[in-house]
PDB file of all heavy atoms in Angstrom:
ATOM      1  N   ALA A   1       6.319   7.126  18.607  1.00  0.00           N
ATOM      2  CA  ALA A   1       4.973   6.974  19.151  1.00  0.00           C
ATOM      3  C   ALA A   1       3.880   7.164  18.105  1.00  0.00           C
ATOM      4  O   ALA A   1       2.728   6.934  18.391  1.00  0.00           O
ATOM      5  CB  ALA A   1       4.759   7.980  20.286  1.00  0.00           C
ATOM      6  N   MET A   2       4.226   7.560  16.886  1.00  0.00           N
ATOM      7  CA  MET A   2       3.214   7.759  15.856  1.00  0.00           C
ATOM      8  C   MET A   2       2.600   6.429  15.462  1.00  0.00           C
ATOM      9  O   MET A   2       3.283   5.428  15.358  1.00  0.00           O
ATOM     10  CB  MET A   2       3.805   8.433  14.625  1.00  0.00           C
ATOM     11  CG  MET A   2       2.737   8.777  13.589  1.00  0.00           C
ATOM     12  SD  MET A   2       3.395   9.548  12.113  1.00  0.00           S
ATOM     13  CE  MET A   2       3.931  11.094  12.771  1.00  0.00           C
ATOM     14  N   SER A   3       1.323   6.434  15.254  1.00  0.00           N
ATOM     15  CA  SER A   3       0.604   5.229  14.865  1.00  0.00           C
ATOM     16  C   SER A   3       1.153   4.664  13.573  1.00  0.00           C
ATOM     17  O   SER A   3       1.509   5.390  12.658  1.00  0.00           O
ATOM     18  CB  SER A   3      -0.875   5.558  14.675  1.00  0.00           C
ATOM     19  OG  SER A   3      -1.531   4.499  14.032  1.00  0.00           O
ATOM     20  N   LYS A   4       1.220   3.345  13.481  1.00  0.00           N
ATOM     21  CA  LYS A   4       1.662   2.684  12.273  1.00  0.00           C
ATOM     22  C   LYS A   4       0.699   2.938  11.117  1.00  0.00           C
ATOM     23  O   LYS A   4       1.040   2.756   9.963  1.00  0.00           O
ATOM     24  CB  LYS A   4       1.834   1.194  12.515  1.00  0.00           C
ATOM     25  CG  LYS A   4       3.002   0.898  13.415  1.00  0.00           C
ATOM     26  CD  LYS A   4       3.313  -0.568  13.393  1.00  0.00           C
ATOM     27  CE  LYS A   4       4.324  -1.000  14.401  1.00  0.00           C
ATOM     28  NZ  LYS A   4       5.482  -0.238  14.569  1.00  0.00           N
ATOM     29  N   ALA A   5      -0.512   3.391  11.415  1.00  0.00           N
ATOM     30  CA  ALA A   5      -1.477   3.711  10.366  1.00  0.00           C
ATOM     31  C   ALA A   5      -0.983   4.861   9.491  1.00  0.00           C
ATOM     32  O   ALA A   5      -1.412   5.005   8.354  1.00  0.00           O
ATOM     33  CB  ALA A   5      -2.822   4.073  10.978  1.00  0.00           C
ATOM     34  N   PHE A   6      -0.053   5.674   9.995  1.00  0.00           N
ATOM     35  CA  PHE A   6       0.452   6.806   9.235  1.00  0.00           C
ATOM     36  C   PHE A   6       1.779   6.515   8.548  1.00  0.00           C
ATOM     37  O   PHE A   6       2.382   7.395   7.968  1.00  0.00           O
ATOM     38  CB  PHE A   6       0.611   8.027  10.151  1.00  0.00           C
ATOM     39  CG  PHE A   6      -0.695   8.519  10.670  1.00  0.00           C
ATOM     40  CD1 PHE A   6      -1.078   8.234  11.962  1.00  0.00           C
ATOM     41  CD2 PHE A   6      -1.561   9.232   9.850  1.00  0.00           C
ATOM     42  CE1 PHE A   6      -2.293   8.670  12.439  1.00  0.00           C
ATOM     43  CE2 PHE A   6      -2.776   9.679  10.324  1.00  0.00           C
ATOM     44  CZ  PHE A   6      -3.152   9.385  11.619  1.00  0.00           C
ATOM     45  N   THR A   7       2.256   5.276   8.613  1.00  0.00           N
ATOM     46  CA  THR A   7       3.500   4.933   7.941  1.00  0.00           C
ATOM     47  C   THR A   7       3.186   4.312   6.596  1.00  0.00           C
ATOM     48  O   THR A   7       2.095   3.836   6.355  1.00  0.00           O
ATOM     49  CB  THR A   7       4.351   3.942   8.776  1.00  0.00           C
ATOM     50  OG1 THR A   7       3.625   2.740   8.931  1.00  0.00           O
ATOM     51  CG2 THR A   7       4.739   4.534  10.099  1.00  0.00           C
ATOM     52  N   SER A   8       4.158   4.309   5.733  1.00  0.00           N
ATOM     53  CA  SER A   8       3.982   3.781   4.382  1.00  0.00           C
ATOM     54  C   SER A   8       4.739   2.472   4.234  1.00  0.00           C
ATOM     55  O   SER A   8       5.811   2.307   4.789  1.00  0.00           O
ATOM     56  CB  SER A   8       4.534   4.797   3.382  1.00  0.00           C
ATOM     57  OG  SER A   8       4.723   4.223   2.128  1.00  0.00           O
ATOM     58  N   GLU A   9       4.199   1.557   3.444  1.00  0.00           N
ATOM     59  CA  GLU A   9       4.912   0.308   3.178  1.00  0.00           C
ATOM     60  C   GLU A   9       6.130   0.556   2.312  1.00  0.00           C
ATOM     61  O   GLU A   9       6.953  -0.310   2.156  1.00  0.00           O
ATOM     62  CB  GLU A   9       3.977  -0.711   2.515  1.00  0.00           C
ATOM     63  CG  GLU A   9       3.075  -1.355   3.529  1.00  0.00           C
ATOM     64  CD  GLU A   9       2.741  -2.783   3.183  1.00  0.00           C
ATOM     65  OE1 GLU A   9       3.667  -3.554   2.897  1.00  0.00           O
ATOM     66  OE2 GLU A   9       1.569  -3.109   3.225  1.00  0.00           O
ATOM     67  N   THR A  10       6.249   1.733   1.725  1.00  0.00           N
ATOM     68  CA  THR A  10       7.397   2.050   0.894  1.00  0.00           C
ATOM     69  C   THR A  10       8.364   2.965   1.642  1.00  0.00           C
ATOM     70  O   THR A  10       9.076   3.748   1.047  1.00  0.00           O
ATOM     71  CB  THR A  10       6.953   2.704  -0.427  1.00  0.00           C
ATOM     72  OG1 THR A  10       6.215   3.871  -0.128  1.00  0.00           O
ATOM     73  CG2 THR A  10       6.140   1.748  -1.264  1.00  0.00           C
ATOM     74  N   GLU A  11       8.395   2.851   2.949  1.00  0.00           N
ATOM     75  CA  GLU A  11       9.279   3.648   3.797  1.00  0.00           C
ATOM     76  C   GLU A  11      10.724   3.419   3.360  1.00  0.00           C
ATOM     77  O   GLU A  11      11.115   2.299   3.054  1.00  0.00           O
ATOM     78  CB  GLU A  11       9.082   3.171   5.238  1.00  0.00           C
ATOM     79  CG  GLU A  11       9.787   3.996   6.265  1.00  0.00           C
ATOM     80  CD  GLU A  11       9.407   3.544   7.670  1.00  0.00           C
ATOM     81  OE1 GLU A  11       8.421   2.839   7.852  1.00  0.00           O
ATOM     82  OE2 GLU A  11      10.132   3.908   8.577  1.00  0.00           O
ATOM     83  N   PRO A  12      11.545   4.460   3.294  1.00  0.00           N
ATOM     84  CA  PRO A  12      12.927   4.288   2.863  1.00  0.00           C
ATOM     85  C   PRO A  12      13.693   3.350   3.775  1.00  0.00           C
ATOM     86  O   PRO A  12      13.389   3.224   4.957  1.00  0.00           O
ATOM     87  CB  PRO A  12      13.519   5.701   2.942  1.00  0.00           C
ATOM     88  CG  PRO A  12      12.441   6.609   3.355  1.00  0.00           C
ATOM     89  CD  PRO A  12      11.219   5.809   3.651  1.00  0.00           C
ATOM     90  N   GLN A  13      14.715   2.707   3.215  1.00  0.00           N
ATOM     91  CA  GLN A  13      15.506   1.711   3.946  1.00  0.00           C
ATOM     92  C   GLN A  13      15.968   2.227   5.295  1.00  0.00           C
ATOM     93  O   GLN A  13      15.859   1.546   6.286  1.00  0.00           O
ATOM     94  CB  GLN A  13      16.698   1.261   3.089  1.00  0.00           C
ATOM     95  CG  GLN A  13      17.825   0.586   3.839  1.00  0.00           C
ATOM     96  CD  GLN A  13      17.416  -0.615   4.652  1.00  0.00           C
ATOM     97  OE1 GLN A  13      16.452  -1.284   4.329  1.00  0.00           O
ATOM     98  NE2 GLN A  13      18.131  -0.895   5.706  1.00  0.00           N
ATOM     99  N   GLY A  14      16.503   3.402   5.364  1.00  0.00           N
ATOM    100  CA  GLY A  14      17.050   3.913   6.610  1.00  0.00           C
ATOM    101  C   GLY A  14      16.018   4.081   7.714  1.00  0.00           C
ATOM    102  O   GLY A  14      16.365   4.175   8.875  1.00  0.00           O
ATOM    103  N   ALA A  15      14.745   4.150   7.372  1.00  0.00           N
ATOM    104  CA  ALA A  15      13.715   4.397   8.370  1.00  0.00           C
ATOM    105  C   ALA A  15      13.100   3.117   8.919  1.00  0.00           C
ATOM    106  O   ALA A  15      12.359   3.160   9.880  1.00  0.00           O
ATOM    107  CB  ALA A  15      12.619   5.266   7.774  1.00  0.00           C
ATOM    108  N   SER A  16      13.375   1.954   8.321  1.00  0.00           N
ATOM    109  CA  SER A  16      12.802   0.696   8.795  1.00  0.00           C
ATOM    110  C   SER A  16      13.488   0.241  10.078  1.00  0.00           C
ATOM    111  O   SER A  16      14.684  -0.009  10.089  1.00  0.00           O
ATOM    112  CB  SER A  16      12.961  -0.399   7.744  1.00  0.00           C
ATOM    113  OG  SER A  16      11.936  -0.330   6.820  1.00  0.00           O
ATOM    114  N   ARG A  17      12.704   0.154  11.138  1.00  0.00           N
ATOM    115  CA  ARG A  17      13.239  -0.280  12.428  1.00  0.00           C
ATOM    116  C   ARG A  17      12.455  -1.476  12.916  1.00  0.00           C
ATOM    117  O   ARG A  17      11.239  -1.563  12.732  1.00  0.00           O
ATOM    118  CB  ARG A  17      13.167   0.851  13.443  1.00  0.00           C
ATOM    119  CG  ARG A  17      14.077   1.998  13.066  1.00  0.00           C
ATOM    120  CD  ARG A  17      14.268   2.956  14.227  1.00  0.00           C
ATOM    121  NE  ARG A  17      15.334   3.883  13.942  1.00  0.00           N
ATOM    122  CZ  ARG A  17      16.627   3.653  14.220  1.00  0.00           C
ATOM    123  NH1 ARG A  17      16.999   2.571  14.807  1.00  0.00           N
ATOM    124  NH2 ARG A  17      17.533   4.558  13.918  1.00  0.00           N
ATOM    125  N   CYS A  18      13.149  -2.387  13.559  1.00  0.00           N
ATOM    126  CA  CYS A  18      12.523  -3.591  14.097  1.00  0.00           C
ATOM    127  C   CYS A  18      11.436  -3.195  15.098  1.00  0.00           C
ATOM    128  O   CYS A  18      11.685  -2.375  15.982  1.00  0.00           O
ATOM    129  CB  CYS A  18      13.569  -4.463  14.771  1.00  0.00           C
ATOM    130  SG  CYS A  18      12.875  -5.916  15.603  1.00  0.00           S
ATOM    131  N   PRO A  19      10.256  -3.788  14.989  1.00  0.00           N
ATOM    132  CA  PRO A  19       9.174  -3.432  15.907  1.00  0.00           C
ATOM    133  C   PRO A  19       9.413  -3.907  17.335  1.00  0.00           C
ATOM    134  O   PRO A  19       8.766  -3.424  18.259  1.00  0.00           O
ATOM    135  CB  PRO A  19       7.951  -4.119  15.297  1.00  0.00           C
ATOM    136  CG  PRO A  19       8.495  -5.236  14.485  1.00  0.00           C
ATOM    137  CD  PRO A  19       9.835  -4.774  13.995  1.00  0.00           C
ATOM    138  N   THR A  20      10.359  -4.802  17.541  1.00  0.00           N
ATOM    139  CA  THR A  20      10.628  -5.320  18.886  1.00  0.00           C
ATOM    140  C   THR A  20      11.821  -4.643  19.548  1.00  0.00           C
ATOM    141  O   THR A  20      11.719  -4.142  20.656  1.00  0.00           O
ATOM    142  CB  THR A  20      10.835  -6.843  18.841  1.00  0.00           C
ATOM    143  OG1 THR A  20       9.639  -7.439  18.339  1.00  0.00           O
ATOM    144  CG2 THR A  20      11.134  -7.417  20.220  1.00  0.00           C
ATOM    145  N   CYS A  21      12.973  -4.604  18.855  1.00  0.00           N
ATOM    146  CA  CYS A  21      14.172  -4.038  19.482  1.00  0.00           C
ATOM    147  C   CYS A  21      14.450  -2.603  19.056  1.00  0.00           C
ATOM    148  O   CYS A  21      15.255  -1.919  19.680  1.00  0.00           O
ATOM    149  CB  CYS A  21      15.392  -4.911  19.205  1.00  0.00           C
ATOM    150  SG  CYS A  21      15.983  -4.852  17.497  1.00  0.00           S
ATOM    151  N   GLY A  22      13.815  -2.124  17.982  1.00  0.00           N
ATOM    152  CA  GLY A  22      13.987  -0.756  17.528  1.00  0.00           C
ATOM    153  C   GLY A  22      15.230  -0.494  16.707  1.00  0.00           C
ATOM    154  O   GLY A  22      15.458   0.631  16.267  1.00  0.00           O
ATOM    155  N   ARG A  23      16.037  -1.526  16.467  1.00  0.00           N
ATOM    156  CA  ARG A  23      17.248  -1.317  15.681  1.00  0.00           C
ATOM    157  C   ARG A  23      16.920  -1.258  14.188  1.00  0.00           C
ATOM    158  O   ARG A  23      15.943  -1.853  13.748  1.00  0.00           O
ATOM    159  CB  ARG A  23      18.244  -2.433  15.945  1.00  0.00           C
ATOM    160  CG  ARG A  23      18.781  -2.355  17.363  1.00  0.00           C
ATOM    161  CD  ARG A  23      19.701  -3.466  17.614  1.00  0.00           C
ATOM    162  NE  ARG A  23      21.034  -2.961  17.819  1.00  0.00           N
ATOM    163  CZ  ARG A  23      22.056  -3.741  18.082  1.00  0.00           C
ATOM    164  NH1 ARG A  23      21.905  -5.043  18.126  1.00  0.00           N
ATOM    165  NH2 ARG A  23      23.234  -3.233  18.286  1.00  0.00           N
ATOM    166  N   PRO A  24      17.750  -0.578  13.407  1.00  0.00           N
ATOM    167  CA  PRO A  24      17.500  -0.513  11.964  1.00  0.00           C
ATOM    168  C   PRO A  24      17.580  -1.903  11.337  1.00  0.00           C
ATOM    169  O   PRO A  24      18.433  -2.717  11.702  1.00  0.00           O
ATOM    170  CB  PRO A  24      18.632   0.366  11.431  1.00  0.00           C
ATOM    171  CG  PRO A  24      19.183   1.072  12.606  1.00  0.00           C
ATOM    172  CD  PRO A  24      18.920   0.204  13.802  1.00  0.00           C
ATOM    173  N   GLY A  25      16.693  -2.138  10.396  1.00  0.00           N
ATOM    174  CA  GLY A  25      16.695  -3.397   9.667  1.00  0.00           C
ATOM    175  C   GLY A  25      17.480  -3.280   8.378  1.00  0.00           C
ATOM    176  O   GLY A  25      17.846  -2.190   7.954  1.00  0.00           O
ATOM    177  N   VAL A  26      17.733  -4.428   7.761  1.00  0.00           N
ATOM    178  CA  VAL A  26      18.420  -4.501   6.482  1.00  0.00           C
ATOM    179  C   VAL A  26      17.383  -4.936   5.458  1.00  0.00           C
ATOM    180  O   VAL A  26      16.843  -6.040   5.552  1.00  0.00           O
ATOM    181  CB  VAL A  26      19.579  -5.527   6.530  1.00  0.00           C
ATOM    182  CG1 VAL A  26      20.240  -5.649   5.166  1.00  0.00           C
ATOM    183  CG2 VAL A  26      20.578  -5.157   7.607  1.00  0.00           C
ATOM    184  N   ARG A  27      17.077  -4.061   4.496  1.00  0.00           N
ATOM    185  CA  ARG A  27      16.066  -4.379   3.504  1.00  0.00           C
ATOM    186  C   ARG A  27      16.503  -5.600   2.699  1.00  0.00           C
ATOM    187  O   ARG A  27      17.657  -5.708   2.312  1.00  0.00           O
ATOM    188  CB  ARG A  27      15.838  -3.206   2.559  1.00  0.00           C
ATOM    189  CG  ARG A  27      14.637  -3.443   1.674  1.00  0.00           C
ATOM    190  CD  ARG A  27      14.407  -2.286   0.721  1.00  0.00           C
ATOM    191  NE  ARG A  27      13.249  -2.483  -0.095  1.00  0.00           N
ATOM    192  CZ  ARG A  27      13.108  -3.441  -1.014  1.00  0.00           C
ATOM    193  NH1 ARG A  27      14.054  -4.312  -1.215  1.00  0.00           N
ATOM    194  NH2 ARG A  27      11.997  -3.534  -1.728  1.00  0.00           N
ATOM    195  N   VAL A  28      15.564  -6.517   2.470  1.00  0.00           N
ATOM    196  CA  VAL A  28      15.844  -7.727   1.704  1.00  0.00           C
ATOM    197  C   VAL A  28      14.841  -7.872   0.566  1.00  0.00           C
ATOM    198  O   VAL A  28      13.724  -7.376   0.635  1.00  0.00           O
ATOM    199  CB  VAL A  28      15.825  -9.000   2.584  1.00  0.00           C
ATOM    200  CG1 VAL A  28      16.929  -8.965   3.619  1.00  0.00           C
ATOM    201  CG2 VAL A  28      14.483  -9.182   3.255  1.00  0.00           C
ATOM    202  N   GLU A  29      15.256  -8.574  -0.456  1.00  0.00           N
ATOM    203  CA  GLU A  29      14.390  -8.856  -1.598  1.00  0.00           C
ATOM    204  C   GLU A  29      13.483 -10.029  -1.256  1.00  0.00           C
ATOM    205  O   GLU A  29      13.795 -10.855  -0.384  1.00  0.00           O
ATOM    206  CB  GLU A  29      15.232  -9.181  -2.831  1.00  0.00           C
ATOM    207  CG  GLU A  29      16.129  -8.044  -3.283  1.00  0.00           C
ATOM    208  CD  GLU A  29      15.350  -6.817  -3.726  1.00  0.00           C
ATOM    209  OE1 GLU A  29      14.268  -6.973  -4.324  1.00  0.00           O
ATOM    210  OE2 GLU A  29      15.828  -5.696  -3.460  1.00  0.00           O
ATOM    211  N   ALA A  30      12.388 -10.136  -1.975  1.00  0.00           N
ATOM    212  CA  ALA A  30      11.421 -11.216  -1.751  1.00  0.00           C
ATOM    213  C   ALA A  30      12.054 -12.592  -1.916  1.00  0.00           C
ATOM    214  O   ALA A  30      11.717 -13.521  -1.187  1.00  0.00           O
ATOM    215  CB  ALA A  30      10.235 -11.056  -2.705  1.00  0.00           C
ATOM    216  N   VAL A  31      13.004 -12.729  -2.839  1.00  0.00           N
ATOM    217  CA  VAL A  31      13.638 -14.033  -3.083  1.00  0.00           C
ATOM    218  C   VAL A  31      14.329 -14.557  -1.821  1.00  0.00           C
ATOM    219  O   VAL A  31      14.336 -15.763  -1.565  1.00  0.00           O
ATOM    220  CB  VAL A  31      14.611 -13.962  -4.289  1.00  0.00           C
ATOM    221  CG1 VAL A  31      15.801 -13.070  -3.991  1.00  0.00           C
ATOM    222  CG2 VAL A  31      15.051 -15.337  -4.717  1.00  0.00           C
ATOM    223  N   THR A  32      14.882 -13.660  -1.017  1.00  0.00           N
ATOM    224  CA  THR A  32      15.564 -14.060   0.218  1.00  0.00           C
ATOM    225  C   THR A  32      14.557 -14.613   1.224  1.00  0.00           C
ATOM    226  O   THR A  32      14.755 -15.699   1.776  1.00  0.00           O
ATOM    227  CB  THR A  32      16.308 -12.858   0.830  1.00  0.00           C
ATOM    228  OG1 THR A  32      17.234 -12.347  -0.134  1.00  0.00           O
ATOM    229  CG2 THR A  32      17.044 -13.250   2.095  1.00  0.00           C
ATOM    230  N   VAL A  33      13.489 -13.888   1.442  1.00  0.00           N
ATOM    231  CA  VAL A  33      12.466 -14.326   2.402  1.00  0.00           C
ATOM    232  C   VAL A  33      11.817 -15.624   1.923  1.00  0.00           C
ATOM    233  O   VAL A  33      11.604 -16.547   2.708  1.00  0.00           O
ATOM    234  CB  VAL A  33      11.412 -13.223   2.622  1.00  0.00           C
ATOM    235  CG1 VAL A  33      10.349 -13.664   3.616  1.00  0.00           C
ATOM    236  CG2 VAL A  33      12.085 -11.950   3.121  1.00  0.00           C
ATOM    237  N   GLU A  34      11.534 -15.729   0.638  1.00  0.00           N
ATOM    238  CA  GLU A  34      10.923 -16.939   0.093  1.00  0.00           C
ATOM    239  C   GLU A  34      11.820 -18.157   0.276  1.00  0.00           C
ATOM    240  O   GLU A  34      11.338 -19.259   0.517  1.00  0.00           O
ATOM    241  CB  GLU A  34      10.590 -16.743  -1.386  1.00  0.00           C
ATOM    242  CG  GLU A  34       9.450 -15.776  -1.608  1.00  0.00           C
ATOM    243  CD  GLU A  34       9.310 -15.343  -3.050  1.00  0.00           C
ATOM    244  OE1 GLU A  34      10.011 -15.882  -3.938  1.00  0.00           O
ATOM    245  OE2 GLU A  34       8.487 -14.441  -3.300  1.00  0.00           O
ATOM    246  N   ALA A  35      13.134 -17.960   0.176  1.00  0.00           N
ATOM    247  CA  ALA A  35      14.074 -19.071   0.315  1.00  0.00           C
ATOM    248  C   ALA A  35      14.262 -19.515   1.766  1.00  0.00           C
ATOM    249  O   ALA A  35      14.557 -20.681   2.023  1.00  0.00           O
ATOM    250  CB  ALA A  35      15.430 -18.690  -0.277  1.00  0.00           C
TER     251      ALA A  35
END
């Protein structure tokens, strides 16, 4: 319930959760998203 304003863009991999389903995400490099 904490506001996203208090989160960091450099949040560790284990803490990244999908904003819709809440499941943990898999960190990807920019090259993957760009492709």
